[in-house]
Amino acid sequence: MSSKIKNMSAEVKTHGVVSGHSGAVNRVARALAGLTGLAVIIAMVVACGGKNESPAPSTSTSAAATGGDLAAAAQDAYTYAYPLVTMEYTRRVLTNTVEPQGTAAPMGQFVRMREYPNAQFRAVTAPNADTLYTQAWFDVAKEPWIVSVPDMGDRYFLLPMLDGWTEVFASPGKRTTGGKAQTFAITGPGWSGTLPPGVTEYKSATAMVWLLGRIFCTGTPEDYAAVHALQDQITAVPLSAYGKPYTAAPGVVDPAVDTKTAVREQVNALSGADYFRTFADLLKTNPPTAADAPTVQTLAKLGIVPGQAFDATKLDPGVASALADAPKAAQRKIMAWAKDGIAAGDNTFQNGWLFTTKTGTYGTNYLQRAYITAIGLGANLPQDAVYPTSEGPSQQVKYNGANKYVMHFDKGQLPPVKGFWSLTMYDADYFFVDNPLNRYTLSQRDNLTTNPDGSVDLLIQADPPSDTANWLPAPKGDFVLMLRMYWPQETAPSIIDGTWKVPPVTQAP
């Protein structure tokens, strides 16, 4: 992945969110940023049935209350809109190219990541060394897109699709559909045509769709070749071209698109007027859901109506002022959710590990949705992956390579997953750590040494132990650990229901 999409996935820890939040909150946020993925909903128009049935925007301050109430309403509107605006800016960056190259590809074409980064890689934080990405963006407003997937055999893979609001509306893969060859259609809101025989329909609630696929790979030359062959057989065509010769059209490069600045920085820098204008435009093809009806009513009182243009200059001065002031205040509230979300039960801090199982589907939990967007856009469903992350044994103490640490698993208590698990080492900036073994993770695919009683100790330290089988090399300074759990068990023992807990990492004598 490139630096221009630092917040592309939940496996990506992003920098410099908002000025003004405390270091403690920021540290918690960075730990939670190990969600995943780096991840891809359209159906009905607002709570009613037609785009033109929404009330005209009010330009009166009294309609949306005054003072603190008005400011709160504007901040809530910002929080509600944050995922959709962020997805749009991400889409622009990742599709602003003539042909697939690097991390970008034109709309309707796949980017296929071919290898894992090494310790010199600095383009993206929290890289992974477990799955290779295959991702594409689709516009399903006019017609469905047909995606064909080859027989994946017994290999673990998942192809989650996010709508414009970051809801995962489908996640075909080994967990849900098995490894046999499959063909599916991504359909948009209002589409009710007929699909070819044997094609499964996945309906998005929005015109914007992001397919963020991941395929397990051991990283050996032989396995790279095997996965590359599978990646090349994952194809997409519009429904009108299905079963016919098809050549994707070259993409069009828009020089106005900023491909150098991280997406989150671009979004956070938007003025209130520009932010809400972009949001209103996006609502035309990415409508709210029925559950959002109360919020839609509040938006209308602020002059934001699905299907209608937004013009801040025509608003009551009080409303315009509240919307102008909303960005920074809302951004602080969003990032404070790293800590506040623990008290609310959306995030969990346990044994030094911070994680959440409230990802992928959010309902009306707009603050959690915005927070996950900010720290890890593209997060999977918890049934697909959970990413406990730890910067130290407590929120006040960090790990440091001057010490030796042990992560102990009792017999039969290794991470309970049906896919795979891995423990990844990062330095304090969330990059891989250079080491003589070129080892950045320990996982179940390694030949781990078992203690006489059946337990397993993972040795986390800078200097190599006498037996390096269970050694996860650490840097000399501070470091971060991330436990990736793909397809975690849903019944006991399970991290999802809390019946399995990530063991603490303790300092060795």
Protein backbone atom coordinates (compact mmCIF):
# COMPACT_ATOMS: atom_id res chain seq x y z
CA MET A 1 0.00 0.00 0.00
CA SER A 2 1.15 3.56 -0.53
CA SER A 3 1.37 6.49 1.81
CA LYS A 4 -1.51 8.17 0.05
CA ILE A 5 -3.88 5.68 1.64
CA LYS A 6 -2.60 5.37 5.18
CA ASN A 7 -6.15 4.87 6.40
CA MET A 8 -7.12 2.47 3.62
CA SER A 9 -7.59 -0.45 5.93
CA ALA A 10 -8.09 -1.37 9.47
CA GLU A 11 -4.69 -2.96 9.41
CA VAL A 12 -3.30 0.51 8.82
CA LYS A 13 -2.52 2.78 11.71
CA THR A 14 -2.98 6.38 10.69
CA HIS A 15 -1.13 9.46 11.89
CA GLY A 16 -2.00 13.02 12.81
CA VAL A 17 -5.74 12.76 13.17
CA VAL A 18 -6.68 15.91 14.97
CA SER A 19 -4.76 18.41 16.98
CA GLY A 20 -5.96 18.95 20.48
CA HIS A 21 -6.69 15.44 21.74
CA SER A 22 -4.59 14.14 24.59
CA GLY A 23 -1.57 11.93 24.13
CA ALA A 24 -3.21 9.22 26.22
CA VAL A 25 -6.28 9.15 24.00
CA ASN A 26 -4.11 9.16 20.89
CA ARG A 27 -2.12 6.23 22.20
CA VAL A 28 -5.26 4.21 22.81
CA ALA A 29 -6.43 5.14 19.32
CA ARG A 30 -3.20 3.98 17.75
CA ALA A 31 -3.49 0.65 19.52
CA LEU A 32 -7.03 0.13 18.31
CA ALA A 33 -5.92 0.91 14.78
CA GLY A 34 -4.95 -2.71 14.35
CA LEU A 35 -8.45 -3.67 13.27
CA THR A 36 -8.23 -4.77 9.66
CA GLY A 37 -8.00 -4.81 6.83
CA LEU A 38 -7.40 -2.10 5.31
CA ALA A 39 -12.41 -3.42 3.57
CA VAL A 40 -16.45 -2.59 0.80
CA ILE A 41 -24.23 -1.05 0.63
CA ILE A 42 -27.18 0.56 -1.44
CA ALA A 43 -30.99 -0.08 -1.20
CA MET A 44 -33.56 2.52 -0.41
CA VAL A 45 -33.93 6.27 -0.48
CA VAL A 46 -34.01 7.67 3.05
CA ALA A 47 -37.02 6.60 5.11
CA CYS A 48 -39.49 7.35 2.33
CA GLY A 49 -39.50 6.02 -1.17
CA GLY A 50 -38.53 8.86 -3.47
CA LYS A 51 -35.63 11.24 -3.72
CA ASN A 52 -37.91 14.25 -4.07
CA GLU A 53 -40.09 13.61 -1.05
CA SER A 54 -37.68 15.10 1.49
CA PRO A 55 -38.65 18.43 3.02
CA ALA A 56 -37.01 21.60 1.80
CA PRO A 57 -34.04 22.68 3.91
CA SER A 58 -34.76 25.12 6.69
CA THR A 59 -32.76 28.31 6.88
CA SER A 60 -33.98 29.26 10.31
CA THR A 61 -31.92 28.80 13.43
CA SER A 62 -35.05 28.07 15.43
CA ALA A 63 -35.70 25.01 13.30
CA ALA A 64 -32.54 23.37 14.58
CA ALA A 65 -32.53 24.96 18.02
CA THR A 66 -29.93 27.50 19.09
CA GLY A 67 -26.63 27.77 20.91
CA GLY A 68 -25.26 24.52 22.27
CA ASP A 69 -28.06 22.44 20.75
CA LEU A 70 -27.29 23.78 17.30
CA ALA A 71 -23.58 23.14 17.71
CA ALA A 72 -24.26 19.60 18.92
CA ALA A 73 -26.56 18.92 15.96
CA ALA A 74 -23.89 20.12 13.53
CA GLN A 75 -21.22 17.96 15.17
CA ASP A 76 -23.52 14.94 15.08
CA ALA A 77 -24.13 15.60 11.39
CA TYR A 78 -20.38 15.71 10.80
CA THR A 79 -19.91 12.42 12.64
CA TYR A 80 -22.74 10.80 10.71
CA ALA A 81 -21.28 11.89 7.37
CA TYR A 82 -17.65 11.03 8.15
CA PRO A 83 -17.58 7.48 6.70
CA LEU A 84 -19.24 8.44 3.43
CA VAL A 85 -16.98 11.44 2.82
CA THR A 86 -13.88 9.44 3.76
CA MET A 87 -14.86 6.58 1.46
CA GLU A 88 -15.30 9.01 -1.43
CA TYR A 89 -11.90 10.61 -0.93
CA THR A 90 -10.31 7.16 -0.63
CA ARG A 91 -12.04 6.05 -3.83
CA ARG A 92 -10.76 9.10 -5.69
CA VAL A 93 -7.18 8.43 -4.66
CA LEU A 94 -7.26 4.68 -5.30
CA THR A 95 -8.84 4.99 -8.76
CA ASN A 96 -6.95 8.01 -10.10
CA THR A 97 -4.86 6.11 -12.62
CA VAL A 98 -4.95 5.07 -16.27
CA GLU A 99 -4.26 1.41 -15.50
CA PRO A 100 -3.70 -0.80 -12.45
CA GLN A 101 -0.37 0.03 -10.85
CA GLY A 102 0.93 0.10 -7.31
CA THR A 103 -2.05 0.48 -5.00
CA ALA A 104 -4.39 2.11 -7.53
CA ALA A 105 -6.61 0.89 -10.37
CA PRO A 106 -9.41 2.47 -12.41
CA MET A 107 -13.00 1.87 -11.32
CA GLY A 108 -14.04 -1.72 -11.94
CA GLN A 109 -10.47 -3.03 -12.15
CA PHE A 110 -8.48 -4.98 -9.57
CA VAL A 111 -5.30 -4.05 -7.74
CA ARG A 112 -3.36 -7.21 -6.94
CA MET A 113 -0.69 -6.88 -4.26
CA ARG A 114 2.03 -9.40 -5.11
CA GLU A 115 4.33 -9.59 -2.09
CA TYR A 116 4.77 -8.66 1.54
CA PRO A 117 6.86 -5.65 2.53
CA ASN A 118 10.18 -5.95 4.34
CA ALA A 119 11.63 -3.97 7.24
CA GLN A 120 12.71 -1.15 4.93
CA PHE A 121 9.12 -0.52 3.82
CA ARG A 122 7.82 2.85 5.03
CA ALA A 123 4.87 3.61 2.75
CA VAL A 124 2.17 2.37 5.13
CA THR A 125 2.02 1.66 8.83
CA ALA A 126 1.06 -1.68 10.38
CA PRO A 127 1.68 -3.73 7.21
CA ASN A 128 0.68 -7.38 7.32
CA ALA A 129 2.63 -10.49 6.35
CA ASP A 130 -0.30 -12.91 6.29
CA THR A 131 -2.59 -12.04 3.37
CA LEU A 132 -2.15 -10.53 -0.08
CA TYR A 133 -4.74 -7.92 -1.05
CA THR A 134 -6.93 -8.02 -4.14
CA GLN A 135 -9.18 -4.96 -4.19
CA ALA A 136 -11.40 -2.94 -6.53
CA TRP A 137 -13.93 -0.10 -6.49
CA PHE A 138 -17.28 -0.33 -8.27
CA ASP A 139 -20.08 2.06 -9.20
CA VAL A 140 -23.26 -0.03 -9.30
CA ALA A 141 -25.66 2.87 -9.88
CA LYS A 142 -26.32 2.05 -13.54
CA GLU A 143 -25.86 -1.71 -13.63
CA PRO A 144 -24.50 -4.60 -11.55
CA TRP A 145 -20.95 -5.85 -11.72
CA ILE A 146 -20.21 -9.57 -12.01
CA VAL A 147 -17.23 -10.94 -10.09
CA SER A 148 -15.82 -14.39 -10.87
CA VAL A 149 -13.69 -16.25 -8.33
CA PRO A 150 -11.73 -19.45 -9.10
CA ASP A 151 -11.66 -22.61 -7.03
CA MET A 152 -9.58 -21.58 -4.02
CA GLY A 153 -9.19 -25.11 -2.72
CA ASP A 154 -8.54 -25.21 1.01
CA ARG A 155 -6.81 -21.82 1.08
CA TYR A 156 -8.18 -19.20 3.45
CA PHE A 157 -9.55 -16.11 1.72
CA LEU A 158 -12.26 -13.51 2.12
CA LEU A 159 -13.73 -10.93 -0.25
CA PRO A 160 -15.64 -8.47 1.96
CA MET A 161 -17.58 -5.69 0.26
CA LEU A 162 -18.26 -2.34 1.89
CA ASP A 163 -20.91 0.14 0.89
CA GLY A 164 -20.40 3.88 0.97
CA TRP A 165 -21.22 4.00 4.68
CA THR A 166 -18.51 1.36 5.45
CA GLU A 167 -21.07 -1.35 6.19
CA VAL A 168 -19.88 -4.82 5.17
CA PHE A 169 -22.93 -6.07 3.27
CA ALA A 170 -21.37 -9.31 2.03
CA SER A 171 -18.24 -11.29 2.78
CA PRO A 172 -17.88 -14.29 0.48
CA GLY A 173 -14.93 -16.46 1.37
CA LYS A 174 -13.91 -19.70 3.00
CA ARG A 175 -15.97 -18.94 6.13
CA THR A 176 -19.23 -18.19 4.34
CA THR A 177 -19.19 -19.68 0.85
CA GLY A 178 -16.39 -22.24 0.89
CA GLY A 179 -13.53 -22.65 -1.55
CA LYS A 180 -15.33 -23.74 -4.72
CA ALA A 181 -15.41 -21.48 -7.75
CA GLN A 182 -18.16 -18.89 -7.54
CA THR A 183 -19.67 -16.02 -9.46
CA PHE A 184 -21.59 -13.21 -7.84
CA ALA A 185 -23.22 -9.95 -8.82
CA ILE A 186 -22.92 -6.71 -6.89
CA THR A 187 -26.22 -4.90 -7.42
CA GLY A 188 -27.18 -1.40 -6.43
CA PRO A 189 -30.18 0.33 -4.89
CA GLY A 190 -33.33 0.01 -6.89
CA TRP A 191 -31.98 -2.64 -9.27
CA SER A 192 -34.44 -5.51 -9.83
CA GLY A 193 -33.37 -7.15 -13.08
CA THR A 194 -32.56 -10.77 -13.88
CA LEU A 195 -29.12 -12.26 -13.33
CA PRO A 196 -27.57 -15.08 -15.38
CA PRO A 197 -28.02 -18.62 -14.01
CA GLY A 198 -25.58 -19.54 -11.27
CA VAL A 199 -24.84 -15.94 -10.30
CA THR A 200 -25.42 -15.04 -6.63
CA GLU A 201 -26.70 -11.54 -5.89
CA TYR A 202 -25.18 -9.32 -3.20
CA LYS A 203 -27.17 -6.10 -2.93
CA SER A 204 -25.47 -2.90 -1.88
CA ALA A 205 -27.41 -0.06 -0.30
CA THR A 206 -25.23 2.50 -2.09
CA ALA A 207 -23.80 3.06 -5.56
CA MET A 208 -20.28 3.09 -4.14
CA VAL A 209 -18.79 -0.33 -3.36
CA TRP A 210 -15.30 -1.31 -2.22
CA LEU A 211 -14.24 -4.95 -2.51
CA LEU A 212 -11.21 -5.46 -0.29
CA GLY A 213 -10.14 -9.09 -0.71
CA ARG A 214 -7.44 -10.93 1.20
CA ILE A 215 -5.81 -14.27 0.37
CA PHE A 216 -3.63 -16.16 2.85
CA CYS A 217 -0.03 -16.66 1.72
CA THR A 218 2.97 -18.12 3.54
CA GLY A 219 5.36 -15.81 1.71
CA THR A 220 7.53 -18.50 0.15
CA PRO A 221 8.35 -18.22 -3.57
CA GLU A 222 6.22 -21.27 -4.27
CA ASP A 223 3.22 -19.93 -2.38
CA TYR A 224 3.57 -16.48 -3.91
CA ALA A 225 3.28 -18.11 -7.34
CA ALA A 226 0.22 -20.09 -6.27
CA VAL A 227 -1.55 -17.03 -4.87
CA HIS A 228 -0.65 -14.89 -7.89
CA ALA A 229 -2.34 -17.46 -10.12
CA LEU A 230 -5.48 -17.26 -7.98
CA GLN A 231 -5.43 -13.46 -7.94
CA ASP A 232 -5.22 -13.33 -11.72
CA GLN A 233 -8.37 -15.44 -11.99
CA ILE A 234 -10.48 -13.07 -9.87
CA THR A 235 -12.14 -10.90 -12.52
CA ALA A 236 -14.93 -8.35 -12.79
CA VAL A 237 -17.12 -7.21 -15.70
CA PRO A 238 -20.31 -5.14 -15.92
CA LEU A 239 -23.47 -7.22 -16.33
CA SER A 240 -23.93 -5.98 -19.90
CA ALA A 241 -20.56 -7.50 -20.85
CA TYR A 242 -20.91 -10.79 -18.97
CA GLY A 243 -20.23 -13.77 -21.21
CA LYS A 244 -18.83 -11.54 -23.96
CA PRO A 245 -15.33 -10.40 -24.85
CA TYR A 246 -14.51 -7.50 -22.55
CA THR A 247 -11.61 -5.11 -22.26
CA ALA A 248 -11.66 -2.60 -19.45
CA ALA A 249 -11.43 1.01 -20.55
CA PRO A 250 -8.41 3.04 -19.44
CA GLY A 251 -8.95 5.18 -16.41
CA VAL A 252 -8.97 8.96 -16.46
CA VAL A 253 -6.49 10.82 -14.27
CA ASP A 254 -7.87 13.89 -12.51
CA PRO A 255 -4.93 16.21 -11.73
CA ALA A 256 -7.03 17.87 -9.02
CA VAL A 257 -6.98 14.69 -6.92
CA ASP A 258 -4.34 14.84 -4.19
CA THR A 259 -2.53 11.50 -4.25
CA LYS A 260 0.25 12.54 -1.88
CA THR A 261 -1.59 13.64 1.27
CA ALA A 262 -3.12 10.90 3.42
CA VAL A 263 -6.88 10.67 2.89
CA ARG A 264 -7.72 11.30 6.52
CA GLU A 265 -5.67 14.48 6.51
CA GLN A 266 -7.50 15.65 3.39
CA VAL A 267 -10.92 14.98 4.89
CA ASN A 268 -10.07 16.53 8.23
CA ALA A 269 -8.79 19.67 6.51
CA LEU A 270 -12.06 20.34 4.66
CA SER A 271 -14.00 23.42 5.70
CA GLY A 272 -17.46 22.80 7.07
CA ALA A 273 -19.03 24.19 3.89
CA ASP A 274 -16.92 21.98 1.58
CA TYR A 275 -17.39 18.92 3.77
CA PHE A 276 -21.18 19.15 3.88
CA ARG A 277 -21.39 20.08 0.19
CA THR A 278 -19.48 16.91 -0.66
CA PHE A 279 -21.69 14.92 1.69
CA ALA A 280 -24.90 16.27 0.15
CA ASP A 281 -23.68 15.39 -3.35
CA LEU A 282 -22.84 11.85 -2.25
CA LEU A 283 -26.29 11.33 -0.75
CA LYS A 284 -27.79 11.36 -4.25
CA THR A 285 -26.47 7.87 -5.01
CA ASN A 286 -25.57 6.73 -1.50
CA PRO A 287 -28.79 7.28 0.44
CA PRO A 288 -29.33 6.91 4.18
CA THR A 289 -31.13 3.83 5.45
CA ALA A 290 -34.58 3.71 7.01
CA ALA A 291 -32.99 3.50 10.46
CA ASP A 292 -31.36 6.87 9.81
CA ALA A 293 -34.71 8.69 9.53
CA PRO A 294 -34.32 10.73 12.76
CA THR A 295 -30.88 11.88 11.64
CA VAL A 296 -32.21 12.72 8.18
CA GLN A 297 -34.76 15.02 9.82
CA THR A 298 -32.00 16.77 11.75
CA LEU A 299 -29.92 17.11 8.59
CA ALA A 300 -32.84 18.80 6.83
CA LYS A 301 -33.03 21.40 9.59
CA LEU A 302 -29.36 22.12 8.94
CA GLY A 303 -29.99 22.58 5.22
CA ILE A 304 -28.74 19.13 4.17
CA VAL A 305 -31.33 17.14 2.20
CA PRO A 306 -30.66 13.94 0.21
CA GLY A 307 -31.05 14.67 -3.49
CA GLN A 308 -30.70 18.42 -3.12
CA ALA A 309 -27.68 20.68 -3.51
CA PHE A 310 -26.18 22.19 -0.38
CA ASP A 311 -25.37 25.90 -0.31
CA ALA A 312 -24.01 27.25 2.97
CA THR A 313 -24.45 30.84 1.76
CA LYS A 314 -28.23 30.46 1.82
CA LEU A 315 -28.40 29.28 5.42
CA ASP A 316 -29.31 31.26 8.49
CA PRO A 317 -26.05 32.68 9.92
CA GLY A 318 -26.44 30.65 13.10
CA VAL A 319 -26.77 27.38 11.18
CA ALA A 320 -23.92 28.28 8.85
CA SER A 321 -21.70 29.14 11.81
CA ALA A 322 -22.48 25.86 13.58
CA LEU A 323 -21.63 23.85 10.45
CA ALA A 324 -18.42 25.82 9.96
CA ASP A 325 -17.31 25.11 13.52
CA ALA A 326 -18.33 21.44 13.48
CA PRO A 327 -15.22 19.79 11.93
CA LYS A 328 -12.63 20.28 14.66
CA ALA A 329 -15.03 19.69 17.55
CA ALA A 330 -16.45 16.56 15.93
CA GLN A 331 -12.97 15.24 15.10
CA ARG A 332 -11.95 15.57 18.74
CA LYS A 333 -15.07 13.69 19.81
CA ILE A 334 -14.48 10.95 17.24
CA MET A 335 -10.91 10.33 18.37
CA ALA A 336 -11.83 10.53 22.05
CA TRP A 337 -14.00 7.48 21.39
CA ALA A 338 -10.85 5.37 21.58
CA LYS A 339 -11.03 5.84 25.34
CA ASP A 340 -14.69 6.75 25.81
CA GLY A 341 -15.71 3.71 23.77
CA ILE A 342 -14.16 1.44 26.39
CA ALA A 343 -16.51 2.80 29.05
CA ALA A 344 -19.41 2.52 26.59
CA GLY A 345 -18.62 -1.13 25.87
CA ASP A 346 -17.75 -0.66 22.19
CA ASN A 347 -14.01 -1.17 22.74
CA THR A 348 -12.23 -3.53 25.13
CA PHE A 349 -8.97 -3.09 27.04
CA GLN A 350 -7.91 -6.36 28.67
CA ASN A 351 -4.56 -7.74 29.84
CA GLY A 352 -2.83 -4.87 28.05
CA TRP A 353 -4.63 -5.59 24.78
CA LEU A 354 -7.03 -3.20 23.10
CA PHE A 355 -9.56 -4.47 20.57
CA THR A 356 -13.13 -4.17 19.39
CA THR A 357 -15.70 -6.58 18.00
CA LYS A 358 -18.01 -3.71 16.99
CA THR A 359 -16.88 -3.46 13.37
CA GLY A 360 -18.32 -4.05 9.91
CA THR A 361 -21.95 -3.38 10.85
CA TYR A 362 -22.91 -0.38 12.95
CA GLY A 363 -26.62 0.29 12.72
CA THR A 364 -27.13 3.72 14.26
CA ASN A 365 -23.91 3.66 16.29
CA TYR A 366 -22.55 6.56 14.26
CA LEU A 367 -19.75 7.47 16.64
CA GLN A 368 -18.24 3.98 16.59
CA ARG A 369 -18.61 3.91 12.81
CA ALA A 370 -16.83 7.25 12.44
CA TYR A 371 -14.09 6.21 14.85
CA ILE A 372 -13.39 2.96 13.00
CA THR A 373 -13.35 4.96 9.76
CA ALA A 374 -10.76 7.32 11.21
CA ILE A 375 -8.36 4.70 12.54
CA GLY A 376 -8.96 1.74 10.23
CA LEU A 377 -11.10 2.24 7.15
CA GLY A 378 -12.13 -1.11 5.67
CA ALA A 379 -12.64 -3.01 8.93
CA ASN A 380 -13.91 -6.57 8.65
CA LEU A 381 -16.82 -8.18 10.39
CA PRO A 382 -15.66 -9.59 13.75
CA GLN A 383 -16.67 -13.04 12.48
CA ASP A 384 -13.96 -12.62 9.86
CA ALA A 385 -11.20 -11.01 11.90
CA VAL A 386 -10.36 -9.45 15.26
CA TYR A 387 -7.10 -7.58 15.87
CA PRO A 388 -6.05 -7.15 19.51
CA THR A 389 -3.20 -4.64 19.70
CA SER A 390 -0.87 -3.83 22.57
CA GLU A 391 1.68 -1.06 23.08
CA GLY A 392 2.46 -2.18 26.62
CA PRO A 393 1.19 -4.11 29.63
CA SER A 394 -0.92 -1.09 30.62
CA GLN A 395 -2.04 2.20 29.11
CA GLN A 396 0.78 3.91 31.01
CA VAL A 397 3.69 1.51 30.38
CA LYS A 398 5.18 0.67 26.97
CA TYR A 399 7.11 -2.39 25.85
CA ASN A 400 10.82 -1.80 25.32
CA GLY A 401 13.52 -3.94 23.75
CA ALA A 402 15.79 -3.40 26.75
CA ASN A 403 13.59 -6.01 28.45
CA LYS A 404 12.66 -9.57 27.62
CA TYR A 405 9.00 -10.60 27.46
CA VAL A 406 6.99 -13.82 27.27
CA MET A 407 3.52 -14.41 25.90
CA HIS A 408 2.38 -17.65 27.53
CA PHE A 409 -0.42 -19.85 26.23
CA ASP A 410 -1.63 -22.68 28.44
CA LYS A 411 -2.14 -26.06 26.81
CA GLY A 412 -5.03 -25.86 24.38
CA GLN A 413 -5.30 -22.08 24.75
CA LEU A 414 -3.66 -20.84 21.57
CA PRO A 415 -5.87 -18.27 19.80
CA PRO A 416 -9.13 -20.11 18.95
CA VAL A 417 -9.58 -19.58 15.23
CA LYS A 418 -10.83 -21.53 12.24
CA GLY A 419 -8.75 -19.49 9.83
CA PHE A 420 -5.34 -18.59 11.22
CA TRP A 421 -3.65 -16.41 13.81
CA SER A 422 -0.39 -14.48 13.87
CA LEU A 423 1.50 -12.24 16.28
CA THR A 424 3.21 -9.35 14.51
CA MET A 425 6.03 -7.17 15.81
CA TYR A 426 6.19 -3.45 14.99
CA ASP A 427 8.50 -0.72 16.16
CA ALA A 428 7.06 2.35 17.89
CA ASP A 429 6.04 3.79 14.50
CA TYR A 430 4.20 0.60 13.48
CA PHE A 431 6.77 -0.63 10.94
CA PHE A 432 8.38 -4.06 10.70
CA VAL A 433 11.59 -4.60 12.69
CA ASP A 434 14.80 -5.53 10.88
CA ASN A 435 16.27 -8.77 12.23
CA PRO A 436 18.66 -11.54 11.11
CA LEU A 437 15.81 -14.01 10.49
CA ASN A 438 13.68 -11.55 8.49
CA ARG A 439 10.92 -12.70 10.80
CA TYR A 440 8.11 -10.22 11.43
CA THR A 441 5.46 -12.58 12.76
CA LEU A 442 4.97 -15.79 14.67
CA SER A 443 1.96 -17.89 13.79
CA GLN A 444 0.42 -21.32 13.75
CA ARG A 445 2.16 -21.97 10.43
CA ASP A 446 5.52 -21.85 12.24
CA ASN A 447 7.01 -24.94 13.83
CA LEU A 448 6.62 -23.64 17.38
CA THR A 449 8.29 -25.44 20.27
CA THR A 450 5.90 -26.77 22.91
CA ASN A 451 6.73 -26.96 26.62
CA PRO A 452 6.62 -30.39 28.36
CA ASP A 453 3.19 -29.56 29.81
CA GLY A 454 1.78 -28.70 26.38
CA SER A 455 1.89 -24.95 26.85
CA VAL A 456 3.56 -22.55 24.41
CA ASP A 457 5.79 -19.56 25.20
CA LEU A 458 6.42 -16.91 22.58
CA LEU A 459 9.72 -15.17 23.33
CA ILE A 460 9.66 -11.45 22.60
CA GLN A 461 13.09 -9.83 22.89
CA ALA A 462 15.80 -8.02 20.96
CA ASP A 463 18.59 -10.59 21.33
CA PRO A 464 18.13 -14.13 19.98
CA PRO A 465 17.52 -16.87 22.57
CA SER A 466 19.35 -20.20 22.35
CA ASP A 467 16.33 -21.72 20.60
CA THR A 468 14.89 -19.29 18.04
CA ALA A 469 11.83 -21.36 17.06
CA ASN A 470 9.51 -19.25 19.24
CA TRP A 471 11.44 -15.99 18.97
CA LEU A 472 9.73 -12.82 17.79
CA PRO A 473 12.58 -10.33 17.28
CA ALA A 474 12.06 -6.96 18.96
CA PRO A 475 13.84 -3.65 18.36
CA LYS A 476 16.12 -2.06 20.94
CA GLY A 477 13.52 0.61 21.68
CA ASP A 478 9.74 0.71 22.17
CA PHE A 479 7.57 -1.67 20.19
CA VAL A 480 3.99 -2.72 19.48
CA LEU A 481 2.38 -6.15 19.20
CA MET A 482 -0.63 -7.04 17.08
CA LEU A 483 -2.47 -10.36 17.28
CA ARG A 484 -4.39 -11.08 14.08
CA MET A 485 -7.19 -13.60 14.49
CA TYR A 486 -8.86 -14.54 11.20
CA TRP A 487 -12.18 -16.38 11.40
CA PRO A 488 -12.25 -16.50 15.20
CA GLN A 489 -14.44 -19.10 16.82
CA GLU A 490 -17.91 -17.80 17.64
CA THR A 491 -18.59 -20.29 20.43
CA ALA A 492 -16.58 -20.88 23.59
CA PRO A 493 -13.70 -20.38 23.73
CA SER A 494 -14.17 -17.22 21.69
CA ILE A 495 -12.79 -13.69 21.75
CA ILE A 496 -16.07 -12.53 20.22
CA ASP A 497 -18.21 -13.54 23.20
CA GLY A 498 -15.46 -12.97 25.77
CA THR A 499 -15.02 -16.62 26.75
CA TRP A 500 -11.38 -16.49 25.57
CA LYS A 501 -9.05 -13.71 26.64
CA VAL A 502 -5.76 -12.72 25.06
CA PRO A 503 -3.08 -13.60 27.63
CA PRO A 504 -0.88 -10.81 28.95
CA VAL A 505 2.66 -10.26 27.76
CA THR A 506 4.83 -10.39 30.88
CA GLN A 507 8.37 -9.25 31.48
CA ALA A 508 10.79 -12.14 31.86
CA PRO A 509 13.14 -12.24 34.87
